[in-house]
Amino acid sequence: MGPKVIAPGHAVGAPDHPHRGQTTVSYILNGELEHKDSAGHEGRLSAGWVQWMDAASGVVHSEMPSKRLQTEGGVLEGFQVRVLLVSPGGQNT
């Protein structure tokens, strides 16, 4: 993710999308993201924060620039690592 300079009113994120059989580990270097998922979890990820999302049996979620970044603009930068989850039988969960 980025680094990306976002102009006021031009923020683009990742609207609702599914994950299954993996864990995502997100780390924000600069800016803020707002997370919301189908399991009822939501929150803001700020610079220096780590989020671990386990999507073994499936989840739909969104990661969008914060309301502040959407209105005021700023810099958004981070990275995400995906860990593939494999069951003992060798199949993805």
PDB file of N, CA and C in Angstrom:
ATOM      1  N   MET A   1       0.844  -1.168   0.000  1.00  0.00           N
ATOM      2  CA  MET A   1       0.000   0.000   0.000  1.00  0.00           C
ATOM      3  C   MET A   1       0.888   1.229   0.000  1.00  0.00           C
ATOM      4  N   GLY A   2       0.958   1.856  -1.127  1.00  0.00           N
ATOM      5  CA  GLY A   2       1.638   3.126  -1.212  1.00  0.00           C
ATOM      6  C   GLY A   2       3.161   3.029  -1.135  1.00  0.00           C
ATOM      7  N   PRO A   3       3.823   4.114  -0.750  1.00  0.00           N
ATOM      8  CA  PRO A   3       3.201   5.313  -0.209  1.00  0.00           C
ATOM      9  C   PRO A   3       2.410   6.052  -1.289  1.00  0.00           C
ATOM     10  N   LYS A   4       1.277   6.559  -0.869  1.00  0.00           N
ATOM     11  CA  LYS A   4       0.402   7.262  -1.794  1.00  0.00           C
ATOM     12  C   LYS A   4      -0.037   8.565  -1.167  1.00  0.00           C
ATOM     13  N   VAL A   5       0.171   9.662  -1.914  1.00  0.00           N
ATOM     14  CA  VAL A   5      -0.317  10.962  -1.479  1.00  0.00           C
ATOM     15  C   VAL A   5      -1.756  11.073  -1.977  1.00  0.00           C
ATOM     16  N   ILE A   6      -2.673  11.294  -1.047  1.00  0.00           N
ATOM     17  CA  ILE A   6      -4.094  11.350  -1.371  1.00  0.00           C
ATOM     18  C   ILE A   6      -4.555  12.802  -1.329  1.00  0.00           C
ATOM     19  N   ALA A   7      -5.122  13.250  -2.429  1.00  0.00           N
ATOM     20  CA  ALA A   7      -5.683  14.607  -2.478  1.00  0.00           C
ATOM     21  C   ALA A   7      -7.046  14.601  -1.784  1.00  0.00           C
ATOM     22  N   PRO A   8      -7.435  15.699  -1.155  1.00  0.00           N
ATOM     23  CA  PRO A   8      -8.757  15.753  -0.517  1.00  0.00           C
ATOM     24  C   PRO A   8      -9.862  15.345  -1.501  1.00  0.00           C
ATOM     25  N   GLY A   9     -10.724  14.435  -1.045  1.00  0.00           N
ATOM     26  CA  GLY A   9     -11.842  13.983  -1.869  1.00  0.00           C
ATOM     27  C   GLY A   9     -11.501  12.903  -2.883  1.00  0.00           C
ATOM     28  N   HIS A  10     -10.247  12.407  -2.891  1.00  0.00           N
ATOM     29  CA  HIS A  10      -9.835  11.421  -3.887  1.00  0.00           C
ATOM     30  C   HIS A  10      -9.331  10.107  -3.282  1.00  0.00           C
ATOM     31  N   ALA A  11      -9.673   9.820  -2.046  1.00  0.00           N
ATOM     32  CA  ALA A  11      -9.218   8.587  -1.402  1.00  0.00           C
ATOM     33  C   ALA A  11      -9.952   7.384  -1.983  1.00  0.00           C
ATOM     34  N   VAL A  12      -9.197   6.330  -2.274  1.00  0.00           N
ATOM     35  CA  VAL A  12      -9.763   5.077  -2.772  1.00  0.00           C
ATOM     36  C   VAL A  12      -9.212   3.957  -1.900  1.00  0.00           C
ATOM     37  N   GLY A  13     -10.071   3.076  -1.465  1.00  0.00           N
ATOM     38  CA  GLY A  13      -9.637   1.959  -0.633  1.00  0.00           C
ATOM     39  C   GLY A  13     -10.044   0.643  -1.253  1.00  0.00           C
ATOM     40  N   ALA A  14     -10.287  -0.330  -0.412  1.00  0.00           N
ATOM     41  CA  ALA A  14     -10.723  -1.658  -0.842  1.00  0.00           C
ATOM     42  C   ALA A  14     -12.100  -1.916  -0.239  1.00  0.00           C
ATOM     43  N   PRO A  15     -13.174  -1.602  -1.004  1.00  0.00           N
ATOM     44  CA  PRO A  15     -14.513  -1.836  -0.479  1.00  0.00           C
ATOM     45  C   PRO A  15     -14.746  -3.333  -0.238  1.00  0.00           C
ATOM     46  N   ASP A  16     -15.912  -3.693   0.248  1.00  0.00           N
ATOM     47  CA  ASP A  16     -16.221  -5.073   0.613  1.00  0.00           C
ATOM     48  C   ASP A  16     -15.655  -6.085  -0.385  1.00  0.00           C
ATOM     49  N   HIS A  17     -14.867  -7.031   0.163  1.00  0.00           N
ATOM     50  CA  HIS A  17     -14.300  -8.120  -0.631  1.00  0.00           C
ATOM     51  C   HIS A  17     -14.055  -9.309   0.289  1.00  0.00           C
ATOM     52  N   PRO A  18     -14.089 -10.542  -0.260  1.00  0.00           N
ATOM     53  CA  PRO A  18     -13.968 -11.735   0.580  1.00  0.00           C
ATOM     54  C   PRO A  18     -12.530 -12.225   0.738  1.00  0.00           C
ATOM     55  N   HIS A  19     -12.311 -12.936   1.833  1.00  0.00           N
ATOM     56  CA  HIS A  19     -11.088 -13.716   2.063  1.00  0.00           C
ATOM     57  C   HIS A  19     -11.525 -15.049   2.646  1.00  0.00           C
ATOM     58  N   ARG A  20     -10.806 -16.129   2.313  1.00  0.00           N
ATOM     59  CA  ARG A  20     -11.100 -17.444   2.872  1.00  0.00           C
ATOM     60  C   ARG A  20      -9.818 -18.267   2.843  1.00  0.00           C
ATOM     61  N   GLY A  21      -9.594 -19.032   3.917  1.00  0.00           N
ATOM     62  CA  GLY A  21      -8.440 -19.922   3.952  1.00  0.00           C
ATOM     63  C   GLY A  21      -7.109 -19.222   4.134  1.00  0.00           C
ATOM     64  N   GLN A  22      -7.119 -18.022   4.697  1.00  0.00           N
ATOM     65  CA  GLN A  22      -5.875 -17.294   4.906  1.00  0.00           C
ATOM     66  C   GLN A  22      -6.002 -16.342   6.090  1.00  0.00           C
ATOM     67  N   THR A  23      -4.864 -15.921   6.558  1.00  0.00           N
ATOM     68  CA  THR A  23      -4.786 -14.878   7.565  1.00  0.00           C
ATOM     69  C   THR A  23      -4.062 -13.712   6.920  1.00  0.00           C
ATOM     70  N   THR A  24      -4.559 -12.507   7.144  1.00  0.00           N
ATOM     71  CA  THR A  24      -3.857 -11.327   6.649  1.00  0.00           C
ATOM     72  C   THR A  24      -3.281 -10.568   7.842  1.00  0.00           C
ATOM     73  N   VAL A  25      -2.055 -10.124   7.684  1.00  0.00           N
ATOM     74  CA  VAL A  25      -1.382  -9.321   8.697  1.00  0.00           C
ATOM     75  C   VAL A  25      -1.066  -7.988   8.042  1.00  0.00           C
ATOM     76  N   SER A  26      -1.703  -6.933   8.522  1.00  0.00           N
ATOM     77  CA  SER A  26      -1.531  -5.600   7.939  1.00  0.00           C
ATOM     78  C   SER A  26      -0.771  -4.708   8.911  1.00  0.00           C
ATOM     79  N   TYR A  27       0.149  -3.914   8.378  1.00  0.00           N
ATOM     80  CA  TYR A  27       0.922  -2.969   9.184  1.00  0.00           C
ATOM     81  C   TYR A  27       0.852  -1.607   8.508  1.00  0.00           C
ATOM     82  N   ILE A  28       0.440  -0.607   9.248  1.00  0.00           N
ATOM     83  CA  ILE A  28       0.301   0.744   8.707  1.00  0.00           C
ATOM     84  C   ILE A  28       1.537   1.570   9.082  1.00  0.00           C
ATOM     85  N   LEU A  29       2.213   2.107   8.067  1.00  0.00           N
ATOM     86  CA  LEU A  29       3.401   2.938   8.286  1.00  0.00           C
ATOM     87  C   LEU A  29       3.035   4.409   8.429  1.00  0.00           C
ATOM     88  N   ASN A  30       2.025   4.852   7.669  1.00  0.00           N
ATOM     89  CA  ASN A  30       1.648   6.263   7.660  1.00  0.00           C
ATOM     90  C   ASN A  30       0.181   6.365   7.265  1.00  0.00           C
ATOM     91  N   GLY A  31      -0.571   7.217   7.934  1.00  0.00           N
ATOM     92  CA  GLY A  31      -1.980   7.407   7.631  1.00  0.00           C
ATOM     93  C   GLY A  31      -2.864   6.498   8.470  1.00  0.00           C
ATOM     94  N   GLU A  32      -4.117   6.363   8.055  1.00  0.00           N
ATOM     95  CA  GLU A  32      -5.068   5.528   8.789  1.00  0.00           C
ATOM     96  C   GLU A  32      -6.005   4.815   7.820  1.00  0.00           C
ATOM     97  N   LEU A  33      -6.373   3.590   8.183  1.00  0.00           N
ATOM     98  CA  LEU A  33      -7.386   2.825   7.468  1.00  0.00           C
ATOM     99  C   LEU A  33      -8.516   2.502   8.425  1.00  0.00           C
ATOM    100  N   GLU A  34      -9.722   2.392   7.906  1.00  0.00           N
ATOM    101  CA  GLU A  34     -10.861   1.955   8.697  1.00  0.00           C
ATOM    102  C   GLU A  34     -11.261   0.571   8.207  1.00  0.00           C
ATOM    103  N   HIS A  35     -11.311  -0.376   9.138  1.00  0.00           N
ATOM    104  CA  HIS A  35     -11.631  -1.770   8.839  1.00  0.00           C
ATOM    105  C   HIS A  35     -13.041  -2.083   9.324  1.00  0.00           C
ATOM    106  N   LYS A  36     -13.776  -2.860   8.529  1.00  0.00           N
ATOM    107  CA  LYS A  36     -15.106  -3.329   8.918  1.00  0.00           C
ATOM    108  C   LYS A  36     -15.294  -4.695   8.273  1.00  0.00           C
ATOM    109  N   ASP A  37     -15.839  -5.679   9.041  1.00  0.00           N
ATOM    110  CA  ASP A  37     -16.021  -6.997   8.449  1.00  0.00           C
ATOM    111  C   ASP A  37     -17.379  -7.614   8.794  1.00  0.00           C
ATOM    112  N   SER A  38     -17.672  -8.720   8.110  1.00  0.00           N
ATOM    113  CA  SER A  38     -18.963  -9.390   8.246  1.00  0.00           C
ATOM    114  C   SER A  38     -19.127 -10.115   9.577  1.00  0.00           C
ATOM    115  N   ALA A  39     -18.061 -10.204  10.369  1.00  0.00           N
ATOM    116  CA  ALA A  39     -18.138 -10.806  11.703  1.00  0.00           C
ATOM    117  C   ALA A  39     -18.506  -9.755  12.757  1.00  0.00           C
ATOM    118  N   GLY A  40     -18.697  -8.515  12.316  1.00  0.00           N
ATOM    119  CA  GLY A  40     -19.096  -7.444  13.231  1.00  0.00           C
ATOM    120  C   GLY A  40     -17.954  -6.656  13.830  1.00  0.00           C
ATOM    121  N   HIS A  41     -16.733  -6.894  13.371  1.00  0.00           N
ATOM    122  CA  HIS A  41     -15.571  -6.154  13.881  1.00  0.00           C
ATOM    123  C   HIS A  41     -15.360  -4.897  13.057  1.00  0.00           C
ATOM    124  N   GLU A  42     -14.972  -3.835  13.726  1.00  0.00           N
ATOM    125  CA  GLU A  42     -14.606  -2.619  13.014  1.00  0.00           C
ATOM    126  C   GLU A  42     -13.660  -1.799  13.874  1.00  0.00           C
ATOM    127  N   GLY A  43     -12.848  -0.996  13.211  1.00  0.00           N
ATOM    128  CA  GLY A  43     -11.920  -0.149  13.939  1.00  0.00           C
ATOM    129  C   GLY A  43     -11.009   0.596  13.001  1.00  0.00           C
ATOM    130  N   ARG A  44     -10.199   1.439  13.580  1.00  0.00           N
ATOM    131  CA  ARG A  44      -9.248   2.245  12.825  1.00  0.00           C
ATOM    132  C   ARG A  44      -7.849   1.702  13.051  1.00  0.00           C
ATOM    133  N   LEU A  45      -7.095   1.560  11.971  1.00  0.00           N
ATOM    134  CA  LEU A  45      -5.690   1.177  12.030  1.00  0.00           C
ATOM    135  C   LEU A  45      -4.874   2.423  11.752  1.00  0.00           C
ATOM    136  N   SER A  46      -4.055   2.831  12.692  1.00  0.00           N
ATOM    137  CA  SER A  46      -3.225   4.028  12.560  1.00  0.00           C
ATOM    138  C   SER A  46      -1.763   3.635  12.396  1.00  0.00           C
ATOM    139  N   ALA A  47      -0.920   4.595  12.064  1.00  0.00           N
ATOM    140  CA  ALA A  47       0.509   4.348  11.877  1.00  0.00           C
ATOM    141  C   ALA A  47       1.090   3.625  13.085  1.00  0.00           C
ATOM    142  N   GLY A  48       1.829   2.545  12.813  1.00  0.00           N
ATOM    143  CA  GLY A  48       2.445   1.750  13.863  1.00  0.00           C
ATOM    144  C   GLY A  48       1.574   0.610  14.357  1.00  0.00           C
ATOM    145  N   TRP A  49       0.362   0.517  13.894  1.00  0.00           N
ATOM    146  CA  TRP A  49      -0.564  -0.533  14.342  1.00  0.00           C
ATOM    147  C   TRP A  49      -0.463  -1.750  13.432  1.00  0.00           C
ATOM    148  N   VAL A  50      -0.727  -2.913  14.021  1.00  0.00           N
ATOM    149  CA  VAL A  50      -0.765  -4.180  13.299  1.00  0.00           C
ATOM    150  C   VAL A  50      -2.154  -4.770  13.445  1.00  0.00           C
ATOM    151  N   GLN A  51      -2.682  -5.325  12.366  1.00  0.00           N
ATOM    152  CA  GLN A  51      -3.956  -6.036  12.430  1.00  0.00           C
ATOM    153  C   GLN A  51      -3.745  -7.448  11.910  1.00  0.00           C
ATOM    154  N   TRP A  52      -4.238  -8.421  12.689  1.00  0.00           N
ATOM    155  CA  TRP A  52      -4.197  -9.832  12.315  1.00  0.00           C
ATOM    156  C   TRP A  52      -5.639 -10.245  12.074  1.00  0.00           C
ATOM    157  N   MET A  53      -5.995 -10.604  10.839  1.00  0.00           N
ATOM    158  CA  MET A  53      -7.364 -11.003  10.524  1.00  0.00           C
ATOM    159  C   MET A  53      -7.358 -12.453  10.058  1.00  0.00           C
ATOM    160  N   ASP A  54      -8.004 -13.318  10.819  1.00  0.00           N
ATOM    161  CA  ASP A  54      -8.102 -14.733  10.485  1.00  0.00           C
ATOM    162  C   ASP A  54      -9.378 -14.952   9.677  1.00  0.00           C
ATOM    163  N   ALA A  55      -9.220 -15.364   8.430  1.00  0.00           N
ATOM    164  CA  ALA A  55     -10.362 -15.578   7.540  1.00  0.00           C
ATOM    165  C   ALA A  55     -10.436 -17.045   7.130  1.00  0.00           C
ATOM    166  N   ALA A  56     -10.247 -17.949   8.090  1.00  0.00           N
ATOM    167  CA  ALA A  56     -10.197 -19.375   7.787  1.00  0.00           C
ATOM    168  C   ALA A  56     -11.438 -19.859   7.052  1.00  0.00           C
ATOM    169  N   SER A  57     -12.622 -19.651   7.617  1.00  0.00           N
ATOM    170  CA  SER A  57     -13.845 -20.161   6.991  1.00  0.00           C
ATOM    171  C   SER A  57     -14.552 -19.102   6.158  1.00  0.00           C
ATOM    172  N   GLY A  58     -13.962 -17.944   6.032  1.00  0.00           N
ATOM    173  CA  GLY A  58     -14.497 -16.912   5.153  1.00  0.00           C
ATOM    174  C   GLY A  58     -14.988 -15.684   5.898  1.00  0.00           C
ATOM    175  N   VAL A  59     -14.678 -14.527   5.351  1.00  0.00           N
ATOM    176  CA  VAL A  59     -15.133 -13.248   5.892  1.00  0.00           C
ATOM    177  C   VAL A  59     -15.147 -12.238   4.739  1.00  0.00           C
ATOM    178  N   VAL A  60     -16.079 -11.328   4.795  1.00  0.00           N
ATOM    179  CA  VAL A  60     -16.117 -10.219   3.843  1.00  0.00           C
ATOM    180  C   VAL A  60     -15.727  -8.977   4.637  1.00  0.00           C
ATOM    181  N   HIS A  61     -14.803  -8.200   4.103  1.00  0.00           N
ATOM    182  CA  HIS A  61     -14.362  -7.008   4.843  1.00  0.00           C
ATOM    183  C   HIS A  61     -14.011  -5.887   3.895  1.00  0.00           C
ATOM    184  N   SER A  62     -13.853  -4.704   4.474  1.00  0.00           N
ATOM    185  CA  SER A  62     -13.404  -3.540   3.711  1.00  0.00           C
ATOM    186  C   SER A  62     -12.283  -2.853   4.479  1.00  0.00           C
ATOM    187  N   GLU A  63     -11.386  -2.249   3.737  1.00  0.00           N
ATOM    188  CA  GLU A  63     -10.304  -1.426   4.290  1.00  0.00           C
ATOM    189  C   GLU A  63     -10.314  -0.126   3.500  1.00  0.00           C
ATOM    190  N   MET A  64     -10.743   0.925   4.162  1.00  0.00           N
ATOM    191  CA  MET A  64     -10.905   2.208   3.495  1.00  0.00           C
ATOM    192  C   MET A  64     -10.069   3.274   4.204  1.00  0.00           C
ATOM    193  N   PRO A  65      -9.546   4.253   3.453  1.00  0.00           N
ATOM    194  CA  PRO A  65      -8.868   5.366   4.116  1.00  0.00           C
ATOM    195  C   PRO A  65      -9.815   6.002   5.135  1.00  0.00           C
ATOM    196  N   SER A  66      -9.244   6.505   6.231  1.00  0.00           N
ATOM    197  CA  SER A  66     -10.058   7.106   7.286  1.00  0.00           C
ATOM    198  C   SER A  66     -10.859   8.286   6.749  1.00  0.00           C
ATOM    199  N   LYS A  67     -11.889   8.652   7.485  1.00  0.00           N
ATOM    200  CA  LYS A  67     -12.707   9.815   7.101  1.00  0.00           C
ATOM    201  C   LYS A  67     -11.836  11.061   6.985  1.00  0.00           C
ATOM    202  N   ARG A  68     -10.839  11.188   7.887  1.00  0.00           N
ATOM    203  CA  ARG A  68      -9.940  12.343   7.846  1.00  0.00           C
ATOM    204  C   ARG A  68      -9.161  12.372   6.539  1.00  0.00           C
ATOM    205  N   LEU A  69      -8.583  11.208   6.141  1.00  0.00           N
ATOM    206  CA  LEU A  69      -7.838  11.164   4.881  1.00  0.00           C
ATOM    207  C   LEU A  69      -8.757  11.434   3.695  1.00  0.00           C
ATOM    208  N   GLN A  70     -10.000  10.968   3.783  1.00  0.00           N
ATOM    209  CA  GLN A  70     -10.932  11.187   2.689  1.00  0.00           C
ATOM    210  C   GLN A  70     -11.256  12.669   2.517  1.00  0.00           C
ATOM    211  N   THR A  71     -11.391  13.393   3.614  1.00  0.00           N
ATOM    212  CA  THR A  71     -11.779  14.807   3.517  1.00  0.00           C
ATOM    213  C   THR A  71     -10.589  15.758   3.427  1.00  0.00           C
ATOM    214  N   GLU A  72      -9.528  15.476   4.199  1.00  0.00           N
ATOM    215  CA  GLU A  72      -8.379  16.388   4.253  1.00  0.00           C
ATOM    216  C   GLU A  72      -7.233  15.998   3.332  1.00  0.00           C
ATOM    217  N   GLY A  73      -7.181  14.722   2.932  1.00  0.00           N
ATOM    218  CA  GLY A  73      -6.045  14.230   2.168  1.00  0.00           C
ATOM    219  C   GLY A  73      -4.883  13.905   3.097  1.00  0.00           C
ATOM    220  N   GLY A  74      -3.793  13.409   2.537  1.00  0.00           N
ATOM    221  CA  GLY A  74      -2.621  13.041   3.319  1.00  0.00           C
ATOM    222  C   GLY A  74      -1.905  11.876   2.671  1.00  0.00           C
ATOM    223  N   VAL A  75      -1.067  11.208   3.440  1.00  0.00           N
ATOM    224  CA  VAL A  75      -0.270  10.086   2.938  1.00  0.00           C
ATOM    225  C   VAL A  75      -0.771   8.790   3.560  1.00  0.00           C
ATOM    226  N   LEU A  76      -0.887   7.740   2.743  1.00  0.00           N
ATOM    227  CA  LEU A  76      -1.242   6.410   3.212  1.00  0.00           C
ATOM    228  C   LEU A  76      -0.167   5.439   2.747  1.00  0.00           C
ATOM    229  N   GLU A  77       0.386   4.694   3.716  1.00  0.00           N
ATOM    230  CA  GLU A  77       1.441   3.735   3.392  1.00  0.00           C
ATOM    231  C   GLU A  77       1.377   2.581   4.384  1.00  0.00           C
ATOM    232  N   GLY A  78       1.547   1.383   3.896  1.00  0.00           N
ATOM    233  CA  GLY A  78       1.581   0.203   4.750  1.00  0.00           C
ATOM    234  C   GLY A  78       1.837  -1.031   3.913  1.00  0.00           C
ATOM    235  N   PHE A  79       1.749  -2.191   4.537  1.00  0.00           N
ATOM    236  CA  PHE A  79       1.894  -3.436   3.783  1.00  0.00           C
ATOM    237  C   PHE A  79       1.039  -4.517   4.415  1.00  0.00           C
ATOM    238  N   GLN A  80       0.788  -5.559   3.633  1.00  0.00           N
ATOM    239  CA  GLN A  80      -0.032  -6.670   4.103  1.00  0.00           C
ATOM    240  C   GLN A  80       0.632  -7.969   3.674  1.00  0.00           C
ATOM    241  N   VAL A  81       0.729  -8.897   4.623  1.00  0.00           N
ATOM    242  CA  VAL A  81       1.256 -10.229   4.368  1.00  0.00           C
ATOM    243  C   VAL A  81       0.094 -11.201   4.492  1.00  0.00           C
ATOM    244  N   ARG A  82      -0.014 -12.120   3.566  1.00  0.00           N
ATOM    245  CA  ARG A  82      -1.073 -13.127   3.622  1.00  0.00           C
ATOM    246  C   ARG A  82      -0.456 -14.480   3.946  1.00  0.00           C
ATOM    247  N   VAL A  83      -1.037 -15.145   4.945  1.00  0.00           N
ATOM    248  CA  VAL A  83      -0.565 -16.453   5.388  1.00  0.00           C
ATOM    249  C   VAL A  83      -1.623 -17.470   4.985  1.00  0.00           C
ATOM    250  N   LEU A  84      -1.260 -18.423   4.118  1.00  0.00           N
ATOM    251  CA  LEU A  84      -2.179 -19.451   3.671  1.00  0.00           C
ATOM    252  C   LEU A  84      -2.373 -20.466   4.793  1.00  0.00           C
ATOM    253  N   LEU A  85      -3.625 -20.738   5.144  1.00  0.00           N
ATOM    254  CA  LEU A  85      -3.943 -21.697   6.201  1.00  0.00           C
ATOM    255  C   LEU A  85      -4.230 -23.055   5.569  1.00  0.00           C
ATOM    256  N   VAL A  86      -3.545 -24.085   6.037  1.00  0.00           N
ATOM    257  CA  VAL A  86      -3.724 -25.432   5.509  1.00  0.00           C
ATOM    258  C   VAL A  86      -4.121 -26.350   6.654  1.00  0.00           C
ATOM    259  N   SER A  87      -5.165 -27.137   6.428  1.00  0.00           N
ATOM    260  CA  SER A  87      -5.615 -28.073   7.449  1.00  0.00           C
ATOM    261  C   SER A  87      -4.659 -29.255   7.543  1.00  0.00           C
ATOM    262  N   PRO A  88      -4.760 -30.082   8.623  1.00  0.00           N
ATOM    263  CA  PRO A  88      -3.868 -31.246   8.761  1.00  0.00           C
ATOM    264  C   PRO A  88      -3.929 -32.207   7.578  1.00  0.00           C
ATOM    265  N   GLY A  89      -5.066 -32.257   6.870  1.00  0.00           N
ATOM    266  CA  GLY A  89      -5.195 -33.131   5.709  1.00  0.00           C
ATOM    267  C   GLY A  89      -4.593 -32.550   4.443  1.00  0.00           C
ATOM    268  N   GLY A  90      -4.058 -31.338   4.527  1.00  0.00           N
ATOM    269  CA  GLY A  90      -3.407 -30.719   3.380  1.00  0.00           C
ATOM    270  C   GLY A  90      -4.318 -29.857   2.530  1.00  0.00           C
ATOM    271  N   GLN A  91      -5.574 -29.710   2.909  1.00  0.00           N
ATOM    272  CA  GLN A  91      -6.519 -28.882   2.170  1.00  0.00           C
ATOM    273  C   GLN A  91      -6.611 -27.510   2.803  1.00  0.00           C
ATOM    274  N   ASN A  92      -6.851 -26.502   1.979  1.00  0.00           N
ATOM    275  CA  ASN A  92      -7.105 -25.165   2.535  1.00  0.00           C
ATOM    276  C   ASN A  92      -8.366 -25.217   3.371  1.00  0.00           C
ATOM    277  N   THR A  93      -8.376 -24.475   4.470  1.00  0.00           N
ATOM    278  CA  THR A  93      -9.570 -24.456   5.321  1.00  0.00           C
ATOM    279  C   THR A  93     -10.597 -23.532   4.749  1.00  0.00           C
TER     280      THR A  93
END
